[in-house]
Every structure is written in C-alpha cells, then in structure tokens.
C-alpha cells in the first residue's frame, strides 16, 4: 500500500510540473503565434504632379493604410514673361490664365467687348481681364479726361501705351478704350430688326415693322440713333402708320456719370391725331447697375415739345408747344448666353393743366440664332395723357399696344 501511494504522489508532481511549463511563453503550440512580431502597416506614398496649361497646379498627396492622410493644392498664375505671338491679332488673358485672340471692340463702363477669333462676340467684366496686348492703334481715355493713342499693353497693374511718345500709368486710371483712329467705321456699331406679316383670303392684310439702332463711340463720347416704325393695311386701307426717331449725344464725366446734350425725338402717328411731334432737350444720365450680364441706367432733364395735330375741332389751334421734364431708363439683362431681355422706357411729363404727358415703352426678348442674326419679339406701348379730338369729334384712345416678331442683324 505504501508503494502505491508513493507512485500516485510522483504522478501528481509530474502533472504539476507540466502545467507550470505550459504557462511559460514559447512552450507549446500556442506560443508560436504569441512570438510573432507585430505587423508593420504604416507606409507613406508621396506623389508630386505638375499640370501645365495656362496655369500651374501642384498637388501633394500623402496616403496610408487608413486612407488619405493629407491633401494640399497650391495654384498660381504664370508669370508675365510669356508673350503672345505677333500675328496681327489683339490678345486678352482672363484671370483664370486663359488667352483669347481676336479684336477689341471697346472697353467702357468697366466692360470689355471682344470679338474672339473662335468664340464670336464676348463681353467681360473688366476685373476679369488680367492682361491685354493690342498692336493696333487704340484711343485711351483716363479718369482725368486725358486722351492717348497708340498700341497698348495692359498688365495687372500698369497700362503701357506705345507710339512715338510711350506712356506708362496705373491701370486704375484707365477709363475706356476705343479701337481705331484711321477708319471712321471702327467707331460705329448697329442693329436692324425687320418683321413682315401677310394675310390673304376673305381678309387681306399686310403688316411691316422695323427697329434700328446705330451707335458711335469714342473713349469720351457716345452718339445714339434709334428708329421704330410700323405700317399696316387691311383690305387695302391703311390701318396703322407710326414712326419714332430718337437721338442723343452723351459726354462721359466718369465711368458712370454722363451728360446728355442734346437729346431729341421725332414722332408721327395720324391715328393718334399727331401729324408731327418734336422734342428737344438735355440732361444727365447715370449707370445704376454696370455688370457684364446686367445693365441699368437712368436719365433726367428739361425738354421742350411741339405738336402739330392732324385735325382739330372748330377753331382750335393745330399746334401746341410746352415745356416738359424728360425721363428715361434702359434695362439690359443677358439671361443666358443666347437670350437677352431689353426694357426701355421714356416719358415727357408736363403740368396737369397742359395734359400732354407722353409715355413710351418697349420690351424686347432677343434670341441669338447665329453670330450675326437674332430672333426678336417686342412689345410696344404708347400712351398720350390727353389726346386731342379730331375734326369729326372722335377722340383717339390714350393707349396703343403692339406685339411684333422680327429677324435682327448686328453689324
């Protein structure tokens, strides 16, 4: 019995030693995994990429196993050392760095009109133009009303006018640019819109309508001439015949303020009992909004109007003249690249005793079809405050309305 007890005691000791040994790291199958070194999973990938178009973009990208660690983008415009080729074109650089070639139409009212060789006629805010290089003769007007002529180079800070006596001055002092000098046609722009409608059968009618606008611009002046006319007949009997001509000469005092002298208007409409009506006056104008897609200006000044009536009752005078206050406003909104809304209003206000207050408004929606041609839809409103009765005793209505559709061409 003692021998048996001693054997059991020895076995117990062996199992105790094995249990203690299993707790020692590296002893046994499971210890293999515990001795494996930690996996290395942190690494850095650096990519430097330079893309050169007209500007430089440098991108530094740092990546790790947990995703993008950092992204930094630095962009800068190129320096001014690159010069466009001397190919006879005007060149402009946008603030984005892109260069366009073509011809300068005008820079006035903080807007640059540019006829691109590929992208047709464009209008930019002057603040969006970084550089201008023109080898042609240009006329520059400074804010102090000094005029300069010659080829021009404009940088972000300076204006350099070439020629026999080169001049350099700060860009902030430039008010306007007008190309030309040797050809009178360089100062002129225009637009004509024509509409025609013909109906035959039980009723025979013919309608004509026309709108025209002509403008001459120099750095310090602007001349405008506008025409609006409508002629209609119904069964070979004339049913409408009216014509309106407006002219004004503007002299710029600053980028927004100008003087109108003179301002004139001629109007004729026998169906309103107006054989002829003339107005002459002057005033001042101011640009309230002056943006690349939105323009709004107003004008105000004294005027004198004279009216010759087509017929009158009894012994009444066939003419009437009186002083008036002339007011006008123009609103131009470039809704999209091809759609433009133009609203024009003018009025001649007299005293209630005279009662010859006249109002005229035109709203035109113009849709560009090609580089030169537009589709114009116009609504015209004319109002005479106190129409003069005809010799038959018939008093014309105060308001006339017209809706016209025409094809316009720009030149």
Protein backbone atom coordinates (compact mmCIF):
# COMPACT_ATOMS: atom_id res chain seq x y z
CA UNK A 1 0.00 0.00 0.00
CA UNK A 2 2.80 2.43 0.69
CA UNK A 3 4.33 1.70 -2.69
CA UNK A 4 1.06 2.51 -4.43
CA UNK A 5 0.67 5.72 -2.51
CA UNK A 6 4.21 6.82 -3.44
CA UNK A 7 3.52 6.20 -7.14
CA UNK A 8 0.43 8.35 -7.10
CA UNK A 9 2.28 11.09 -5.35
CA UNK A 10 5.00 11.05 -8.06
CA UNK A 11 2.42 11.26 -10.84
CA UNK A 12 0.86 14.30 -9.22
CA UNK A 13 4.20 16.03 -9.14
CA UNK A 14 4.74 15.35 -12.86
CA UNK A 15 1.35 16.86 -13.83
CA UNK A 16 2.05 19.93 -11.71
CA UNK A 17 5.38 20.48 -13.47
CA UNK A 18 3.73 20.16 -16.91
CA UNK A 19 1.04 22.71 -16.00
CA UNK A 20 3.66 25.21 -14.86
CA UNK A 21 5.68 24.69 -18.03
CA UNK A 22 2.69 25.36 -20.26
CA UNK A 23 2.38 28.87 -18.78
CA UNK A 24 5.94 29.72 -19.89
CA UNK A 25 5.96 31.78 -23.21
CA UNK A 26 7.34 29.81 -26.12
CA UNK A 27 6.43 26.42 -24.66
CA UNK A 28 3.68 24.55 -26.51
CA UNK A 29 1.86 25.04 -29.85
CA UNK A 30 0.02 28.23 -28.93
CA UNK A 31 3.22 30.03 -28.07
CA UNK A 32 4.22 30.15 -31.76
CA UNK A 33 1.61 32.81 -32.51
CA UNK A 34 2.40 34.80 -29.40
CA UNK A 35 6.01 35.14 -30.52
CA UNK A 36 5.11 36.58 -33.97
CA UNK A 37 6.26 40.20 -34.31
CA UNK A 38 3.63 42.97 -34.81
CA UNK A 39 2.67 43.51 -38.46
CA UNK A 40 4.12 46.76 -39.98
CA UNK A 41 1.28 48.59 -41.72
CA UNK A 42 2.33 52.27 -41.74
CA UNK A 43 3.86 53.49 -45.01
CA UNK A 44 3.88 56.82 -46.91
CA UNK A 45 3.33 57.35 -50.62
CA UNK A 46 4.18 60.82 -51.91
CA UNK A 47 3.03 61.88 -55.37
CA UNK A 48 4.03 65.23 -56.91
CA UNK A 49 2.13 66.06 -60.11
CA UNK A 50 2.52 69.25 -62.14
CA UNK A 51 -0.11 70.05 -64.80
CA UNK A 52 0.71 72.96 -67.09
CA UNK A 53 -1.97 74.53 -69.27
CA UNK A 54 -2.01 78.27 -68.79
CA UNK A 55 -1.53 77.89 -65.07
CA UNK A 56 0.32 75.55 -62.72
CA UNK A 57 -1.32 73.19 -60.27
CA UNK A 58 0.90 71.33 -57.76
CA UNK A 59 -0.72 68.54 -55.76
CA UNK A 60 0.93 66.72 -52.86
CA UNK A 61 -0.88 63.54 -51.81
CA UNK A 62 0.12 61.54 -48.71
CA UNK A 63 -1.59 58.14 -48.28
CA UNK A 64 -1.61 55.45 -45.56
CA UNK A 65 -3.42 52.23 -44.86
CA UNK A 66 -6.12 54.15 -43.03
CA UNK A 67 -6.88 56.42 -46.07
CA UNK A 68 -5.67 59.77 -47.25
CA UNK A 69 -3.62 61.44 -44.57
CA UNK A 70 -3.30 64.92 -46.12
CA UNK A 71 -4.10 66.72 -49.37
CA UNK A 72 -2.69 70.14 -50.28
CA UNK A 73 -3.24 72.00 -53.53
CA UNK A 74 -1.34 75.12 -54.49
CA UNK A 75 -2.28 77.06 -57.65
CA UNK A 76 -0.69 80.13 -59.17
CA UNK A 77 -1.00 82.03 -62.41
CA UNK A 78 2.03 82.02 -64.72
CA UNK A 79 4.34 84.98 -64.65
CA UNK A 80 4.14 87.70 -67.27
CA UNK A 81 7.17 86.54 -69.25
CA UNK A 82 5.13 84.69 -71.91
CA UNK A 83 4.14 87.00 -74.75
CA UNK A 84 1.52 86.11 -77.41
CA UNK A 85 2.83 85.84 -80.98
CA UNK A 86 2.99 88.94 -83.13
CA UNK A 87 0.29 87.74 -85.54
CA UNK A 88 -1.73 90.93 -86.01
CA UNK A 89 -4.45 89.92 -83.52
CA UNK A 90 -5.43 91.51 -80.24
CA UNK A 91 -4.85 89.17 -77.29
CA UNK A 92 -6.52 89.16 -73.87
CA UNK A 93 -5.77 86.99 -70.85
CA UNK A 94 -8.52 86.14 -68.38
CA UNK A 95 -7.81 85.98 -64.67
CA UNK A 96 -8.09 82.18 -64.97
CA UNK A 97 -4.94 82.26 -67.12
CA UNK A 98 -6.61 81.52 -70.47
CA UNK A 99 -5.60 83.56 -73.53
CA UNK A 100 -8.03 84.57 -76.31
CA UNK A 101 -7.16 86.17 -79.63
CA UNK A 102 -9.41 88.31 -81.77
CA UNK A 103 -10.14 92.03 -81.87
CA UNK A 104 -11.06 94.57 -79.20
CA UNK A 105 -14.45 96.18 -79.84
CA UNK A 106 -14.44 98.60 -76.89
CA UNK A 107 -13.79 98.92 -73.16
CA UNK A 108 -16.28 101.19 -71.47
CA UNK A 109 -18.41 101.12 -68.33
CA UNK A 110 -15.98 98.56 -66.78
CA UNK A 111 -16.77 96.05 -69.53
CA UNK A 112 -14.59 94.79 -72.36
CA UNK A 113 -16.28 93.85 -75.63
CA UNK A 114 -14.13 91.38 -77.53
CA UNK A 115 -14.68 89.63 -80.86
CA UNK A 116 -12.95 86.28 -80.41
CA UNK A 117 -11.50 84.53 -83.44
CA UNK A 118 -13.23 81.29 -82.38
CA UNK A 119 -15.91 82.15 -79.79
CA UNK A 120 -17.64 85.13 -81.50
CA UNK A 121 -18.51 88.36 -79.70
CA UNK A 122 -17.95 88.24 -75.96
CA UNK A 123 -18.37 90.70 -73.09
CA UNK A 124 -16.25 90.50 -69.94
CA UNK A 125 -16.17 92.39 -66.68
CA UNK A 126 -13.02 94.48 -66.72
CA UNK A 127 -11.98 92.99 -63.36
CA UNK A 128 -11.90 89.53 -65.02
CA UNK A 129 -9.27 90.63 -67.56
CA UNK A 130 -5.67 90.08 -66.43
CA UNK A 131 -3.75 91.24 -69.50
CA UNK A 132 -4.41 92.96 -72.83
CA UNK A 133 -1.99 93.18 -75.74
CA UNK A 134 -3.02 95.06 -78.86
CA UNK A 135 -0.61 96.03 -81.65
CA UNK A 136 -3.27 98.25 -83.29
CA UNK A 137 -3.99 101.92 -82.89
CA UNK A 138 -6.28 102.46 -79.90
CA UNK A 139 -7.63 105.53 -78.16
CA UNK A 140 -7.44 105.50 -74.37
CA UNK A 141 -9.24 107.87 -72.03
CA UNK A 142 -8.00 108.37 -68.48
CA UNK A 143 -10.17 109.25 -65.49
CA UNK A 144 -8.76 112.79 -65.64
CA UNK A 145 -10.15 113.04 -69.22
CA UNK A 146 -6.68 112.91 -70.82
CA UNK A 147 -6.63 111.07 -74.16
CA UNK A 148 -3.84 108.86 -75.51
CA UNK A 149 -3.37 106.99 -78.80
CA UNK A 150 -1.24 104.01 -79.79
CA UNK A 151 -0.77 100.26 -79.38
CA UNK A 152 -1.33 99.19 -75.81
CA UNK A 153 -0.10 96.59 -73.32
CA UNK A 154 -2.06 96.21 -70.09
CA UNK A 155 -0.76 94.18 -67.16
CA UNK A 156 -2.49 93.55 -63.83
CA UNK A 157 -1.07 96.86 -62.54
CA UNK A 158 0.05 99.03 -65.45
CA UNK A 159 -1.04 100.39 -68.82
CA UNK A 160 1.75 100.92 -71.36
CA UNK A 161 0.83 102.94 -74.44
CA UNK A 162 3.31 102.69 -77.31
CA UNK A 163 3.94 105.02 -80.17
CA UNK A 164 6.27 107.97 -80.67
CA UNK A 165 5.89 109.04 -77.03
CA UNK A 166 5.36 105.92 -74.88
CA UNK A 167 3.46 106.43 -71.65
CA UNK A 168 3.02 104.25 -68.57
CA UNK A 169 0.39 104.82 -65.91
CA UNK A 170 -1.52 102.80 -63.29
CA UNK A 171 -4.27 100.56 -64.59
CA UNK A 172 -6.73 102.09 -62.12
CA UNK A 173 -6.53 105.39 -64.03
CA UNK A 174 -7.82 103.87 -67.32
CA UNK A 175 -11.45 104.70 -68.07
CA UNK A 176 -12.08 103.46 -71.61
CA UNK A 177 -10.53 102.04 -74.80
CA UNK A 178 -11.79 102.57 -78.33
CA UNK A 179 -10.01 100.88 -81.24
CA UNK A 180 -9.49 102.83 -84.44
CA UNK A 181 -8.32 106.26 -85.34
CA UNK A 182 -7.62 105.79 -89.02
CA UNK A 183 -11.02 104.37 -90.06
CA UNK A 184 -14.32 106.02 -89.17
CA UNK A 185 -16.10 102.67 -89.36
CA UNK A 186 -14.22 101.45 -86.29
CA UNK A 187 -16.31 103.80 -84.14
CA UNK A 188 -19.72 102.55 -85.31
CA UNK A 189 -21.92 99.60 -84.37
CA UNK A 190 -25.52 98.90 -85.32
CA UNK A 191 -28.50 96.60 -85.28
CA UNK A 192 -31.55 96.27 -87.56
CA UNK A 193 -34.67 94.15 -86.98
CA UNK A 194 -37.37 93.66 -89.63
CA UNK A 195 -40.76 92.00 -89.38
CA UNK A 196 -43.37 91.20 -92.03
CA UNK A 197 -46.82 89.60 -91.94
CA UNK A 198 -49.14 88.91 -94.88
CA UNK A 199 -52.67 87.53 -94.81
CA UNK A 200 -54.93 86.82 -97.82
CA UNK A 201 -58.34 85.28 -98.47
CA UNK A 202 -61.52 86.73 -97.00
CA UNK A 203 -59.35 89.38 -95.36
CA UNK A 204 -56.27 90.89 -96.94
CA UNK A 205 -53.78 92.47 -94.57
CA UNK A 206 -50.13 93.46 -94.73
CA UNK A 207 -48.01 94.43 -91.72
CA UNK A 208 -44.50 95.84 -91.68
CA UNK A 209 -42.43 96.76 -88.65
CA UNK A 210 -38.83 97.83 -88.28
CA UNK A 211 -36.40 98.66 -85.49
CA UNK A 212 -32.93 100.07 -85.97
CA UNK A 213 -30.18 101.21 -83.63
CA UNK A 214 -26.95 102.95 -84.59
CA UNK A 215 -24.19 103.95 -82.20
CA UNK A 216 -20.87 105.78 -82.48
CA UNK A 217 -18.48 105.54 -79.53
CA UNK A 218 -15.19 107.19 -78.72
CA UNK A 219 -13.39 106.97 -75.37
CA UNK A 220 -15.21 110.02 -74.03
CA UNK A 221 -18.42 110.30 -76.05
CA UNK A 222 -21.35 108.27 -77.35
CA UNK A 223 -23.89 109.07 -80.06
CA UNK A 224 -27.10 107.01 -80.32
CA UNK A 225 -29.73 106.99 -83.04
CA UNK A 226 -32.82 104.74 -82.77
CA UNK A 227 -35.78 104.16 -85.08
CA UNK A 228 -39.08 102.33 -84.56
CA UNK A 229 -41.79 102.16 -87.22
CA UNK A 230 -44.97 100.25 -88.06
CA UNK A 231 -47.11 100.29 -91.21
CA UNK A 232 -50.24 98.15 -91.70
CA UNK A 233 -53.13 97.92 -94.12
CA UNK A 234 -56.41 95.99 -94.00
CA UNK A 235 -58.23 95.29 -97.28
CA UNK A 236 -56.02 97.88 -98.98
CA UNK A 237 -56.97 100.54 -96.40
CA UNK A 238 -54.20 101.88 -94.18
CA UNK A 239 -54.82 100.93 -90.55
CA UNK A 240 -51.53 101.89 -88.89
CA UNK A 241 -48.68 104.24 -89.74
CA UNK A 242 -46.35 105.47 -87.00
CA UNK A 243 -42.68 106.36 -86.84
CA UNK A 244 -40.40 107.32 -83.97
CA UNK A 245 -36.79 108.57 -84.11
CA UNK A 246 -34.65 109.22 -81.03
CA UNK A 247 -31.17 110.72 -80.95
CA UNK A 248 -28.84 111.76 -78.17
CA UNK A 249 -25.21 112.67 -77.63
CA UNK A 250 -23.55 111.63 -74.36
CA UNK A 251 -20.39 113.06 -72.88
CA UNK A 252 -18.81 110.97 -70.11
CA UNK A 253 -17.73 112.67 -66.89
CA UNK A 254 -16.76 109.42 -65.16
CA UNK A 255 -17.30 105.70 -65.51
CA UNK A 256 -20.96 106.07 -64.51
CA UNK A 257 -21.98 109.71 -64.89
CA UNK A 258 -22.58 111.38 -68.25
CA UNK A 259 -24.22 114.50 -69.68
CA UNK A 260 -26.83 114.27 -72.46
CA UNK A 261 -26.64 117.24 -74.80
CA UNK A 262 -28.62 117.34 -76.95
CA UNK A 263 -31.48 114.86 -76.72
CA UNK A 264 -34.11 114.86 -79.49
CA UNK A 265 -37.19 112.89 -80.56
CA UNK A 266 -39.49 112.89 -83.57
CA UNK A 267 -42.85 111.07 -83.61
CA UNK A 268 -45.69 110.78 -86.10
CA UNK A 269 -48.97 108.84 -85.87
CA UNK A 270 -52.03 110.16 -87.73
CA UNK A 271 -54.20 107.55 -85.99
CA UNK A 272 -53.40 109.29 -82.69
CA UNK A 273 -54.14 112.61 -84.41
CA UNK A 274 -50.44 113.52 -84.34
CA UNK A 275 -49.17 114.67 -87.69
CA UNK A 276 -45.75 115.52 -86.24
CA UNK A 277 -44.28 115.92 -82.79
CA UNK A 278 -40.77 117.07 -81.94
CA UNK A 279 -38.90 117.24 -78.65
CA UNK A 280 -35.52 118.79 -77.87
CA UNK A 281 -33.78 118.78 -74.51
CA UNK A 282 -30.80 117.71 -72.43
CA UNK A 283 -30.00 116.19 -69.08
CA UNK A 284 -27.77 113.90 -67.11
CA UNK A 285 -27.51 110.11 -67.03
CA UNK A 286 -26.20 107.63 -64.52
CA UNK A 287 -25.44 103.90 -64.65
CA UNK A 288 -27.10 102.29 -61.62
CA UNK A 289 -26.00 98.74 -62.48
CA UNK A 290 -22.91 98.09 -64.52
CA UNK A 291 -22.20 94.37 -64.82
CA UNK A 292 -21.33 92.02 -67.64
CA UNK A 293 -24.84 90.48 -67.74
CA UNK A 294 -26.89 93.26 -66.16
CA UNK A 295 -27.09 96.96 -67.01
CA UNK A 296 -29.46 99.63 -65.81
CA UNK A 297 -29.24 103.38 -66.38
CA UNK A 298 -31.50 106.38 -65.88
CA UNK A 299 -31.57 109.87 -67.35
CA UNK A 300 -33.40 113.07 -66.44
CA UNK A 301 -33.51 116.59 -67.82
CA UNK A 302 -35.58 119.52 -69.13
CA UNK A 303 -37.10 119.47 -72.60
CA UNK A 304 -39.46 121.34 -74.90
CA UNK A 305 -42.06 119.57 -77.07
CA UNK A 306 -44.03 120.88 -80.04
CA UNK A 307 -47.01 119.02 -81.53
CA UNK A 308 -48.75 119.50 -84.89
CA UNK A 309 -52.18 117.84 -84.92
CA UNK A 310 -53.58 116.07 -87.95
CA UNK A 311 -57.01 117.75 -87.47
CA UNK A 312 -58.81 119.69 -84.75
CA UNK A 313 -62.33 120.72 -83.86
CA UNK A 314 -63.62 124.16 -84.83
CA UNK A 315 -61.18 126.99 -84.39
CA UNK A 316 -58.75 125.22 -82.07
CA UNK A 317 -55.07 125.63 -82.83
CA UNK A 318 -53.42 122.89 -84.84
CA UNK A 319 -50.20 123.24 -82.86
CA UNK A 320 -49.26 123.16 -79.22
CA UNK A 321 -45.91 123.68 -77.51
CA UNK A 322 -44.92 123.38 -73.87
CA UNK A 323 -42.01 122.69 -71.56
CA UNK A 324 -41.62 119.18 -70.19
CA UNK A 325 -39.47 117.05 -67.95
CA UNK A 326 -37.90 114.18 -69.89
CA UNK A 327 -37.18 110.93 -68.07
CA UNK A 328 -35.76 107.69 -69.43
CA UNK A 329 -34.39 104.36 -68.30
CA UNK A 330 -32.83 101.34 -70.04
CA UNK A 331 -32.52 97.85 -68.57
CA UNK A 332 -30.48 95.12 -70.28
CA UNK A 333 -30.25 91.58 -68.89
CA UNK A 334 -28.22 88.84 -70.57
CA UNK A 335 -30.34 85.97 -69.21
CA UNK A 336 -28.26 83.25 -70.88
CA UNK A 337 -25.52 83.18 -73.46
CA UNK A 338 -28.12 83.39 -76.25
CA UNK A 339 -31.13 85.08 -74.65
CA UNK A 340 -31.26 88.78 -73.84
CA UNK A 341 -34.03 90.91 -72.32
CA UNK A 342 -34.08 94.64 -73.15
CA UNK A 343 -36.52 97.03 -71.46
CA UNK A 344 -36.71 100.70 -72.46
CA UNK A 345 -38.93 103.45 -71.08
CA UNK A 346 -39.15 107.17 -71.83
CA UNK A 347 -41.60 109.84 -70.73
CA UNK A 348 -42.23 113.53 -71.22
CA UNK A 349 -44.11 114.97 -68.27
CA UNK A 350 -45.96 118.29 -68.34
CA UNK A 351 -48.24 120.09 -65.90
CA UNK A 352 -51.78 118.70 -65.34
CA UNK A 353 -53.20 121.84 -66.95
CA UNK A 354 -51.36 121.18 -70.21
CA UNK A 355 -52.12 117.46 -70.09
CA UNK A 356 -49.68 116.43 -72.83
CA UNK A 357 -47.84 113.82 -70.79
CA UNK A 358 -46.40 111.20 -73.15
CA UNK A 359 -45.07 107.75 -72.33
CA UNK A 360 -43.36 105.13 -74.45
CA UNK A 361 -42.06 101.67 -73.52
CA UNK A 362 -40.52 98.78 -75.45
CA UNK A 363 -39.74 95.31 -74.15
CA UNK A 364 -37.68 93.03 -76.41
CA UNK A 365 -36.73 89.40 -75.93
CA UNK A 366 -33.85 88.63 -78.28
CA UNK A 367 -32.74 85.06 -79.03
CA UNK A 368 -29.41 84.67 -80.78
CA UNK A 369 -29.62 82.41 -83.83
CA UNK A 370 -26.12 82.85 -85.26
CA UNK A 371 -23.18 85.16 -84.73
CA UNK A 372 -24.96 87.98 -86.61
CA UNK A 373 -28.66 87.12 -86.61
CA UNK A 374 -31.23 87.27 -83.79
CA UNK A 375 -34.92 86.49 -83.41
CA UNK A 376 -36.64 89.46 -81.71
CA UNK A 377 -40.03 89.51 -80.00
CA UNK A 378 -41.05 93.05 -78.97
CA UNK A 379 -43.96 94.54 -77.06
CA UNK A 380 -44.54 98.28 -77.63
CA UNK A 381 -46.73 100.58 -75.51
CA UNK A 382 -47.54 104.23 -76.27
CA UNK A 383 -49.71 106.49 -74.11
CA UNK A 384 -50.91 110.06 -74.63
CA UNK A 385 -52.24 111.66 -71.46
CA UNK A 386 -54.76 113.99 -73.15
CA UNK A 387 -55.42 113.05 -76.80
CA UNK A 388 -56.70 115.91 -78.98
CA UNK A 389 -60.09 115.28 -80.62
CA UNK A 390 -60.17 115.12 -84.41
CA UNK A 391 -62.27 117.44 -86.55
CA UNK A 392 -65.00 114.77 -86.58
CA UNK A 393 -65.17 114.88 -82.78
CA UNK A 394 -63.60 111.44 -82.35
CA UNK A 395 -61.09 111.33 -79.51
CA UNK A 396 -58.25 108.81 -80.03
CA UNK A 397 -57.70 106.26 -77.30
CA UNK A 398 -54.97 107.01 -74.80
CA UNK A 399 -53.12 103.71 -75.17
CA UNK A 400 -51.73 101.82 -78.15
CA UNK A 401 -50.22 98.32 -77.94
CA UNK A 402 -48.24 96.29 -80.47
CA UNK A 403 -46.61 92.87 -80.43
CA UNK A 404 -44.04 92.31 -83.17
CA UNK A 405 -41.81 89.46 -84.33
CA UNK A 406 -38.73 90.23 -86.40
CA UNK A 407 -35.37 88.98 -87.61
CA UNK A 408 -32.46 91.11 -86.42
CA UNK A 409 -28.94 91.52 -87.74
CA UNK A 410 -25.97 93.04 -85.90
CA UNK A 411 -23.04 94.83 -87.55
